[in-house]
């Protein structure tokens, strides 16, 4: 799945996530960098996509968030 397809498929979920914090915490990058990746373009307007490593890191970040949300919910 291309990064643009990820954004289209999961836009409602992504709107509930603080993208700036996710980008900083898991990638050490700016929110702009992650938004560009999700749009499938780089800062110069050229087509881009997640590298395999970035894709795994993004997957791990979402899993970590899910685990943390489940833990918080179970403690309420």
PDB file of N, CA and C in Angstrom:
ATOM      1  N   UNK A   1       0.845  -1.171   0.000  1.00  0.00           N
ATOM      2  CA  UNK A   1       0.000   0.000   0.000  1.00  0.00           C
ATOM      3  C   UNK A   1       0.894   1.239   0.000  1.00  0.00           C
ATOM      4  N   UNK A   2       0.672   2.126  -0.933  1.00  0.00           N
ATOM      5  CA  UNK A   2       1.433   3.381  -1.015  1.00  0.00           C
ATOM      6  C   UNK A   2       1.025   4.310   0.126  1.00  0.00           C
ATOM      7  N   UNK A   3       1.915   5.247   0.456  1.00  0.00           N
ATOM      8  CA  UNK A   3       1.632   6.156   1.565  1.00  0.00           C
ATOM      9  C   UNK A   3       0.370   6.973   1.318  1.00  0.00           C
ATOM     10  N   UNK A   4       0.119   7.394   0.079  1.00  0.00           N
ATOM     11  CA  UNK A   4      -1.105   8.142  -0.222  1.00  0.00           C
ATOM     12  C   UNK A   4      -2.338   7.293   0.066  1.00  0.00           C
ATOM     13  N   UNK A   5      -2.253   6.010  -0.216  1.00  0.00           N
ATOM     14  CA  UNK A   5      -3.375   5.104   0.044  1.00  0.00           C
ATOM     15  C   UNK A   5      -3.601   4.935   1.542  1.00  0.00           C
ATOM     16  N   UNK A   6      -2.503   4.924   2.308  1.00  0.00           N
ATOM     17  CA  UNK A   6      -2.616   4.846   3.769  1.00  0.00           C
ATOM     18  C   UNK A   6      -3.399   6.045   4.269  1.00  0.00           C
ATOM     19  N   UNK A   7      -3.025   7.223   3.801  1.00  0.00           N
ATOM     20  CA  UNK A   7      -3.695   8.444   4.243  1.00  0.00           C
ATOM     21  C   UNK A   7      -5.172   8.410   3.873  1.00  0.00           C
ATOM     22  N   UNK A   8      -5.484   8.031   2.642  1.00  0.00           N
ATOM     23  CA  UNK A   8      -6.877   8.000   2.197  1.00  0.00           C
ATOM     24  C   UNK A   8      -7.700   7.002   3.002  1.00  0.00           C
ATOM     25  N   UNK A   9      -7.142   5.841   3.253  1.00  0.00           N
ATOM     26  CA  UNK A   9      -7.881   4.787   3.941  1.00  0.00           C
ATOM     27  C   UNK A   9      -8.089   5.094   5.422  1.00  0.00           C
ATOM     28  N   UNK A  10      -7.099   5.717   6.040  1.00  0.00           N
ATOM     29  CA  UNK A  10      -7.140   5.922   7.486  1.00  0.00           C
ATOM     30  C   UNK A  10      -7.211   7.394   7.897  1.00  0.00           C
ATOM     31  N   UNK A  11      -7.721   8.258   7.031  1.00  0.00           N
ATOM     32  CA  UNK A  11      -7.734   9.696   7.302  1.00  0.00           C
ATOM     33  C   UNK A  11      -8.432  10.029   8.621  1.00  0.00           C
ATOM     34  N   UNK A  12      -9.552   9.412   8.915  1.00  0.00           N
ATOM     35  CA  UNK A  12     -10.273   9.740  10.148  1.00  0.00           C
ATOM     36  C   UNK A  12      -9.453   9.379  11.377  1.00  0.00           C
ATOM     37  N   UNK A  13      -8.788   8.256  11.346  1.00  0.00           N
ATOM     38  CA  UNK A  13      -7.924   7.855  12.449  1.00  0.00           C
ATOM     39  C   UNK A  13      -6.738   8.812  12.565  1.00  0.00           C
ATOM     40  N   UNK A  14      -6.124   9.144  11.440  1.00  0.00           N
ATOM     41  CA  UNK A  14      -4.963  10.029  11.455  1.00  0.00           C
ATOM     42  C   UNK A  14      -5.322  11.414  11.989  1.00  0.00           C
ATOM     43  N   UNK A  15      -6.550  11.848  11.778  1.00  0.00           N
ATOM     44  CA  UNK A  15      -6.980  13.146  12.296  1.00  0.00           C
ATOM     45  C   UNK A  15      -7.063  13.147  13.827  1.00  0.00           C
ATOM     46  N   UNK A  16      -7.239  11.972  14.424  1.00  0.00           N
ATOM     47  CA  UNK A  16      -7.305  11.862  15.876  1.00  0.00           C
ATOM     48  C   UNK A  16      -5.938  11.740  16.539  1.00  0.00           C
ATOM     49  N   UNK A  17      -4.897  11.626  15.737  1.00  0.00           N
ATOM     50  CA  UNK A  17      -3.537  11.463  16.248  1.00  0.00           C
ATOM     51  C   UNK A  17      -2.790  12.788  16.134  1.00  0.00           C
ATOM     52  N   UNK A  18      -1.998  13.109  17.133  1.00  0.00           N
ATOM     53  CA  UNK A  18      -1.147  14.287  17.061  1.00  0.00           C
ATOM     54  C   UNK A  18       0.056  13.920  16.189  1.00  0.00           C
ATOM     55  N   UNK A  19      -0.036  14.293  14.913  1.00  0.00           N
ATOM     56  CA  UNK A  19       0.991  13.924  13.935  1.00  0.00           C
ATOM     57  C   UNK A  19       2.348  14.532  14.291  1.00  0.00           C
ATOM     58  N   UNK A  20       2.345  15.744  14.804  1.00  0.00           N
ATOM     59  CA  UNK A  20       3.618  16.385  15.163  1.00  0.00           C
ATOM     60  C   UNK A  20       4.330  15.582  16.241  1.00  0.00           C
ATOM     61  N   UNK A  21       3.588  15.168  17.235  1.00  0.00           N
ATOM     62  CA  UNK A  21       4.195  14.388  18.326  1.00  0.00           C
ATOM     63  C   UNK A  21       4.651  13.012  17.831  1.00  0.00           C
ATOM     64  N   UNK A  22       3.831  12.370  17.009  1.00  0.00           N
ATOM     65  CA  UNK A  22       4.191  11.064  16.466  1.00  0.00           C
ATOM     66  C   UNK A  22       5.470  11.170  15.632  1.00  0.00           C
ATOM     67  N   UNK A  23       5.545  12.184  14.783  1.00  0.00           N
ATOM     68  CA  UNK A  23       6.723  12.375  13.927  1.00  0.00           C
ATOM     69  C   UNK A  23       7.979  12.588  14.765  1.00  0.00           C
ATOM     70  N   UNK A  24       7.870  13.415  15.802  1.00  0.00           N
ATOM     71  CA  UNK A  24       9.029  13.693  16.670  1.00  0.00           C
ATOM     72  C   UNK A  24       9.415  12.466  17.483  1.00  0.00           C
ATOM     73  N   UNK A  25       8.428  11.850  18.117  1.00  0.00           N
ATOM     74  CA  UNK A  25       8.697  10.756  19.044  1.00  0.00           C
ATOM     75  C   UNK A  25       9.260   9.511  18.361  1.00  0.00           C
ATOM     76  N   UNK A  26       8.672   9.128  17.237  1.00  0.00           N
ATOM     77  CA  UNK A  26       9.037   7.863  16.626  1.00  0.00           C
ATOM     78  C   UNK A  26      10.027   7.998  15.468  1.00  0.00           C
ATOM     79  N   UNK A  27      10.035   9.145  14.810  1.00  0.00           N
ATOM     80  CA  UNK A  27      10.921   9.324  13.655  1.00  0.00           C
ATOM     81  C   UNK A  27      12.023  10.347  13.893  1.00  0.00           C
ATOM     82  N   UNK A  28      11.860  11.201  14.909  1.00  0.00           N
ATOM     83  CA  UNK A  28      12.809  12.284  15.113  1.00  0.00           C
ATOM     84  C   UNK A  28      12.738  13.310  13.996  1.00  0.00           C
ATOM     85  N   UNK A  29      11.549  13.456  13.410  1.00  0.00           N
ATOM     86  CA  UNK A  29      11.344  14.360  12.262  1.00  0.00           C
ATOM     87  C   UNK A  29      10.216  15.328  12.588  1.00  0.00           C
ATOM     88  N   UNK A  30      10.012  16.277  11.683  1.00  0.00           N
ATOM     89  CA  UNK A  30       8.950  17.267  11.853  1.00  0.00           C
ATOM     90  C   UNK A  30       7.617  16.717  11.373  1.00  0.00           C
ATOM     91  N   UNK A  31       6.548  17.380  11.793  1.00  0.00           N
ATOM     92  CA  UNK A  31       5.222  16.981  11.317  1.00  0.00           C
ATOM     93  C   UNK A  31       5.130  17.160   9.806  1.00  0.00           C
ATOM     94  N   UNK A  32       5.775  18.206   9.289  1.00  0.00           N
ATOM     95  CA  UNK A  32       5.774  18.435   7.847  1.00  0.00           C
ATOM     96  C   UNK A  32       6.353  17.260   7.081  1.00  0.00           C
ATOM     97  N   UNK A  33       7.404  16.681   7.617  1.00  0.00           N
ATOM     98  CA  UNK A  33       8.016  15.515   6.979  1.00  0.00           C
ATOM     99  C   UNK A  33       7.013  14.372   6.881  1.00  0.00           C
ATOM    100  N   UNK A  34       6.311  14.104   7.991  1.00  0.00           N
ATOM    101  CA  UNK A  34       5.354  13.002   7.994  1.00  0.00           C
ATOM    102  C   UNK A  34       4.150  13.306   7.108  1.00  0.00           C
ATOM    103  N   UNK A  35       3.664  14.541   7.151  1.00  0.00           N
ATOM    104  CA  UNK A  35       2.556  14.914   6.260  1.00  0.00           C
ATOM    105  C   UNK A  35       2.962  14.726   4.798  1.00  0.00           C
ATOM    106  N   UNK A  36       4.172  15.145   4.450  1.00  0.00           N
ATOM    107  CA  UNK A  36       4.651  14.963   3.075  1.00  0.00           C
ATOM    108  C   UNK A  36       4.709  13.477   2.718  1.00  0.00           C
ATOM    109  N   UNK A  37       5.223  12.666   3.629  1.00  0.00           N
ATOM    110  CA  UNK A  37       5.282  11.220   3.367  1.00  0.00           C
ATOM    111  C   UNK A  37       3.885  10.663   3.124  1.00  0.00           C
ATOM    112  N   UNK A  38       2.933  11.075   3.956  1.00  0.00           N
ATOM    113  CA  UNK A  38       1.565  10.587   3.801  1.00  0.00           C
ATOM    114  C   UNK A  38       0.907  11.102   2.523  1.00  0.00           C
ATOM    115  N   UNK A  39       1.354  12.266   2.051  1.00  0.00           N
ATOM    116  CA  UNK A  39       0.839  12.808   0.784  1.00  0.00           C
ATOM    117  C   UNK A  39       1.559  12.220  -0.419  1.00  0.00           C
ATOM    118  N   UNK A  40       2.665  11.504  -0.169  1.00  0.00           N
ATOM    119  CA  UNK A  40       3.421  10.889  -1.258  1.00  0.00           C
ATOM    120  C   UNK A  40       4.309  11.847  -2.009  1.00  0.00           C
ATOM    121  N   UNK A  41       4.676  12.958  -1.349  1.00  0.00           N
ATOM    122  CA  UNK A  41       5.575  13.936  -1.970  1.00  0.00           C
ATOM    123  C   UNK A  41       6.666  14.308  -0.968  1.00  0.00           C
ATOM    124  N   UNK A  42       7.809  14.747  -1.490  1.00  0.00           N
ATOM    125  CA  UNK A  42       8.836  15.235  -0.583  1.00  0.00           C
ATOM    126  C   UNK A  42       8.728  16.751  -0.494  1.00  0.00           C
ATOM    127  N   UNK A  43       9.615  17.377   0.215  1.00  0.00           N
ATOM    128  CA  UNK A  43       9.574  18.825   0.403  1.00  0.00           C
ATOM    129  C   UNK A  43       9.733  19.625  -0.869  1.00  0.00           C
ATOM    130  N   UNK A  44      10.228  18.993  -1.926  1.00  0.00           N
ATOM    131  CA  UNK A  44      10.416  19.673  -3.209  1.00  0.00           C
ATOM    132  C   UNK A  44       9.299  19.347  -4.202  1.00  0.00           C
ATOM    133  N   UNK A  45       8.289  18.617  -3.748  1.00  0.00           N
ATOM    134  CA  UNK A  45       7.166  18.282  -4.616  1.00  0.00           C
ATOM    135  C   UNK A  45       7.376  17.032  -5.457  1.00  0.00           C
ATOM    136  N   UNK A  46       8.486  16.339  -5.234  1.00  0.00           N
ATOM    137  CA  UNK A  46       8.748  15.106  -5.978  1.00  0.00           C
ATOM    138  C   UNK A  46       8.027  13.940  -5.308  1.00  0.00           C
ATOM    139  N   UNK A  47       7.633  12.951  -6.124  1.00  0.00           N
ATOM    140  CA  UNK A  47       6.950  11.779  -5.599  1.00  0.00           C
ATOM    141  C   UNK A  47       7.875  10.995  -4.676  1.00  0.00           C
ATOM    142  N   UNK A  48       7.323  10.536  -3.560  1.00  0.00           N
ATOM    143  CA  UNK A  48       8.094   9.765  -2.587  1.00  0.00           C
ATOM    144  C   UNK A  48       7.175   8.766  -1.903  1.00  0.00           C
ATOM    145  N   UNK A  49       7.736   7.913  -1.125  1.00  0.00           N
ATOM    146  CA  UNK A  49       6.981   6.949  -0.345  1.00  0.00           C
ATOM    147  C   UNK A  49       7.810   6.599   0.876  1.00  0.00           C
ATOM    148  N   UNK A  50       7.207   5.891   1.831  1.00  0.00           N
ATOM    149  CA  UNK A  50       7.961   5.406   2.969  1.00  0.00           C
ATOM    150  C   UNK A  50       8.980   4.380   2.493  1.00  0.00           C
ATOM    151  N   UNK A  51      10.169   4.428   3.073  1.00  0.00           N
ATOM    152  CA  UNK A  51      11.122   3.350   2.846  1.00  0.00           C
ATOM    153  C   UNK A  51      10.602   2.137   3.618  1.00  0.00           C
ATOM    154  N   UNK A  52      11.107   0.950   3.330  1.00  0.00           N
ATOM    155  CA  UNK A  52      10.670  -0.211   4.123  1.00  0.00           C
ATOM    156  C   UNK A  52      10.909  -0.017   5.626  1.00  0.00           C
ATOM    157  N   UNK A  53      12.016   0.616   5.977  1.00  0.00           N
ATOM    158  CA  UNK A  53      12.321   0.859   7.393  1.00  0.00           C
ATOM    159  C   UNK A  53      11.335   1.847   8.006  1.00  0.00           C
ATOM    160  N   UNK A  54      11.011   2.923   7.265  1.00  0.00           N
ATOM    161  CA  UNK A  54      10.050   3.916   7.752  1.00  0.00           C
ATOM    162  C   UNK A  54       8.660   3.298   7.886  1.00  0.00           C
ATOM    163  N   UNK A  55       8.311   2.452   6.952  1.00  0.00           N
ATOM    164  CA  UNK A  55       7.006   1.777   6.991  1.00  0.00           C
ATOM    165  C   UNK A  55       6.900   0.913   8.256  1.00  0.00           C
ATOM    166  N   UNK A  56       7.945   0.175   8.584  1.00  0.00           N
ATOM    167  CA  UNK A  56       7.951  -0.650   9.792  1.00  0.00           C
ATOM    168  C   UNK A  56       7.901   0.218  11.048  1.00  0.00           C
ATOM    169  N   UNK A  57       8.624   1.330  11.022  1.00  0.00           N
ATOM    170  CA  UNK A  57       8.620   2.242  12.158  1.00  0.00           C
ATOM    171  C   UNK A  57       7.233   2.851  12.349  1.00  0.00           C
ATOM    172  N   UNK A  58       6.566   3.216  11.257  1.00  0.00           N
ATOM    173  CA  UNK A  58       5.217   3.770  11.327  1.00  0.00           C
ATOM    174  C   UNK A  58       4.249   2.723  11.875  1.00  0.00           C
ATOM    175  N   UNK A  59       4.370   1.520  11.390  1.00  0.00           N
ATOM    176  CA  UNK A  59       3.539   0.413  11.880  1.00  0.00           C
ATOM    177  C   UNK A  59       3.757   0.221  13.377  1.00  0.00           C
ATOM    178  N   UNK A  60       5.013   0.208  13.793  1.00  0.00           N
ATOM    179  CA  UNK A  60       5.334   0.056  15.211  1.00  0.00           C
ATOM    180  C   UNK A  60       4.804   1.199  16.055  1.00  0.00           C
ATOM    181  N   UNK A  61       4.869   2.413  15.524  1.00  0.00           N
ATOM    182  CA  UNK A  61       4.356   3.583  16.244  1.00  0.00           C
ATOM    183  C   UNK A  61       2.857   3.451  16.476  1.00  0.00           C
ATOM    184  N   UNK A  62       2.122   3.042  15.454  1.00  0.00           N
ATOM    185  CA  UNK A  62       0.679   2.879  15.596  1.00  0.00           C
ATOM    186  C   UNK A  62       0.340   1.752  16.569  1.00  0.00           C
ATOM    187  N   UNK A  63       1.103   0.664  16.529  1.00  0.00           N
ATOM    188  CA  UNK A  63       0.892  -0.437  17.474  1.00  0.00           C
ATOM    189  C   UNK A  63       1.180   0.013  18.896  1.00  0.00           C
ATOM    190  N   UNK A  64       2.234   0.790  19.081  1.00  0.00           N
ATOM    191  CA  UNK A  64       2.570   1.296  20.402  1.00  0.00           C
ATOM    192  C   UNK A  64       1.453   2.188  20.926  1.00  0.00           C
ATOM    193  N   UNK A  65       0.944   3.078  20.077  1.00  0.00           N
ATOM    194  CA  UNK A  65      -0.164   3.943  20.486  1.00  0.00           C
ATOM    195  C   UNK A  65      -1.392   3.117  20.864  1.00  0.00           C
ATOM    196  N   UNK A  66      -1.686   2.101  20.060  1.00  0.00           N
ATOM    197  CA  UNK A  66      -2.836   1.237  20.340  1.00  0.00           C
ATOM    198  C   UNK A  66      -2.670   0.533  21.684  1.00  0.00           C
ATOM    199  N   UNK A  67      -1.483   0.023  21.941  1.00  0.00           N
ATOM    200  CA  UNK A  67      -1.214  -0.662  23.212  1.00  0.00           C
ATOM    201  C   UNK A  67      -1.360   0.292  24.391  1.00  0.00           C
ATOM    202  N   UNK A  68      -0.843   1.499  24.230  1.00  0.00           N
ATOM    203  CA  UNK A  68      -0.925   2.486  25.307  1.00  0.00           C
ATOM    204  C   UNK A  68      -2.364   2.917  25.552  1.00  0.00           C
ATOM    205  N   UNK A  69      -3.156   3.046  24.487  1.00  0.00           N
ATOM    206  CA  UNK A  69      -4.573   3.397  24.639  1.00  0.00           C
ATOM    207  C   UNK A  69      -5.339   2.269  25.331  1.00  0.00           C
ATOM    208  N   UNK A  70      -5.073   1.030  24.947  1.00  0.00           N
ATOM    209  CA  UNK A  70      -5.733  -0.110  25.588  1.00  0.00           C
ATOM    210  C   UNK A  70      -5.399  -0.169  27.080  1.00  0.00           C
ATOM    211  N   UNK A  71      -4.141   0.064  27.393  1.00  0.00           N
ATOM    212  CA  UNK A  71      -3.706   0.053  28.799  1.00  0.00           C
ATOM    213  C   UNK A  71      -4.413   1.152  29.583  1.00  0.00           C
ATOM    214  N   UNK A  72      -4.463   2.341  29.025  1.00  0.00           N
ATOM    215  CA  UNK A  72      -5.140   3.450  29.698  1.00  0.00           C
ATOM    216  C   UNK A  72      -6.632   3.139  29.876  1.00  0.00           C
ATOM    217  N   UNK A  73      -7.263   2.600  28.847  1.00  0.00           N
ATOM    218  CA  UNK A  73      -8.686   2.275  28.922  1.00  0.00           C
ATOM    219  C   UNK A  73      -8.958   1.218  29.982  1.00  0.00           C
ATOM    220  N   UNK A  74      -8.067   0.249  30.093  1.00  0.00           N
ATOM    221  CA  UNK A  74      -8.288  -0.819  31.080  1.00  0.00           C
ATOM    222  C   UNK A  74      -8.129  -0.322  32.501  1.00  0.00           C
ATOM    223  N   UNK A  75      -7.428   0.791  32.691  1.00  0.00           N
ATOM    224  CA  UNK A  75      -7.213   1.334  34.027  1.00  0.00           C
ATOM    225  C   UNK A  75      -8.314   2.295  34.467  1.00  0.00           C
ATOM    226  N   UNK A  76      -9.218   2.602  33.562  1.00  0.00           N
ATOM    227  CA  UNK A  76     -10.293   3.555  33.887  1.00  0.00           C
ATOM    228  C   UNK A  76     -11.421   2.824  34.587  1.00  0.00           C
TER     229      UNK A  76
END
